[in-house]
Amino acid sequence: MMERKKTRLERAMSNDFANENPFENIDEAIVLAKQLKVYDVIDPNGKTIHKIAEIINRLQNAEFEVLDVNFGDFQA
């Protein structure tokens, strides 16, 4: 029997996005966020809740080290 594909919410709840590249997580979180409107968050439907869960989990797993670099007036 073929297994069904996990939903966005199921993938977020099981922390599946921890296995992905941090930059891919950030990029995909931005793409998903651009699909939402502020009003969608006020009275979310199931699809919106799944997207929000994925955005949060992707950003929680978007860890990368910020280097302490100084270039003139710029400081990171």
Protein backbone atom coordinates (compact mmCIF):
# COMPACT_ATOMS: atom_id res chain seq x y z
CA MET A 1 0.00 0.00 0.00
CA MET A 2 1.28 3.45 -0.91
CA GLU A 3 1.79 5.93 1.93
CA ARG A 4 0.10 9.26 1.65
CA LYS A 5 2.19 12.40 1.49
CA LYS A 6 2.49 14.36 4.74
CA THR A 7 0.69 17.69 4.95
CA ARG A 8 2.56 20.93 5.60
CA LEU A 9 1.36 20.84 9.20
CA GLU A 10 2.51 17.24 9.70
CA ARG A 11 5.93 18.06 8.23
CA ALA A 12 6.24 21.11 10.51
CA MET A 13 5.09 19.20 13.60
CA SER A 14 7.60 16.41 12.96
CA ASN A 15 10.37 18.97 12.30
CA ASP A 16 11.05 17.64 8.79
CA PHE A 17 12.46 21.00 7.68
CA ALA A 18 15.46 20.58 10.02
CA ASN A 19 16.99 18.37 7.31
CA GLU A 20 16.88 21.07 4.64
CA ASN A 21 19.47 23.67 3.75
CA PRO A 22 19.09 26.80 5.96
CA PHE A 23 19.04 29.08 2.92
CA GLU A 24 16.35 26.96 1.26
CA ASN A 25 14.31 27.21 4.45
CA ILE A 26 14.57 31.00 4.44
CA ASP A 27 13.75 31.27 0.73
CA GLU A 28 10.74 28.96 1.00
CA ALA A 29 9.49 30.74 4.14
CA ILE A 30 9.57 34.02 2.22
CA VAL A 31 7.70 32.48 -0.73
CA LEU A 32 5.02 31.12 1.61
CA ALA A 33 4.75 34.37 3.55
CA LYS A 34 4.19 36.32 0.33
CA GLN A 35 1.19 34.08 -0.38
CA LEU A 36 -0.51 35.20 2.85
CA LYS A 37 -2.27 38.42 3.71
CA VAL A 38 -2.48 39.87 7.21
CA TYR A 39 -6.23 39.26 7.19
CA ASP A 40 -5.59 35.55 6.58
CA VAL A 41 -3.93 35.33 10.00
CA ILE A 42 -6.82 37.01 11.81
CA ASP A 43 -9.33 34.33 10.82
CA PRO A 44 -7.20 31.50 9.41
CA ASN A 45 -8.58 28.49 7.59
CA GLY A 46 -6.85 25.11 7.61
CA LYS A 47 -4.66 25.89 4.60
CA THR A 48 -3.43 29.11 6.22
CA ILE A 49 -2.66 27.36 9.52
CA HIS A 50 -0.60 24.75 7.64
CA LYS A 51 1.37 27.48 5.82
CA ILE A 52 2.00 29.39 9.05
CA ALA A 53 3.23 26.20 10.75
CA GLU A 54 5.60 25.53 7.85
CA ILE A 55 6.91 29.11 7.85
CA ILE A 56 7.59 28.96 11.59
CA ASN A 57 9.29 25.57 11.44
CA ARG A 58 11.42 26.55 8.44
CA LEU A 59 12.59 29.73 10.19
CA GLN A 60 13.29 27.82 13.40
CA ASN A 61 15.56 25.56 11.36
CA ALA A 62 17.27 28.32 9.38
CA GLU A 63 20.25 28.48 11.68
CA PHE A 64 23.53 29.57 10.28
CA GLU A 65 26.50 31.31 11.80
CA VAL A 66 26.82 35.04 11.32
CA LEU A 67 30.46 35.95 11.04
CA ASP A 68 31.80 38.95 12.91
CA VAL A 69 33.03 40.92 9.91
CA ASN A 70 33.91 44.60 9.77
CA PHE A 71 34.24 46.42 6.46
CA GLY A 72 34.72 50.13 7.06
CA ASP A 73 31.55 51.43 8.66
CA PHE A 74 29.70 48.13 8.12
CA GLN A 75 29.56 45.72 11.02
CA ALA A 76 27.92 42.34 10.92
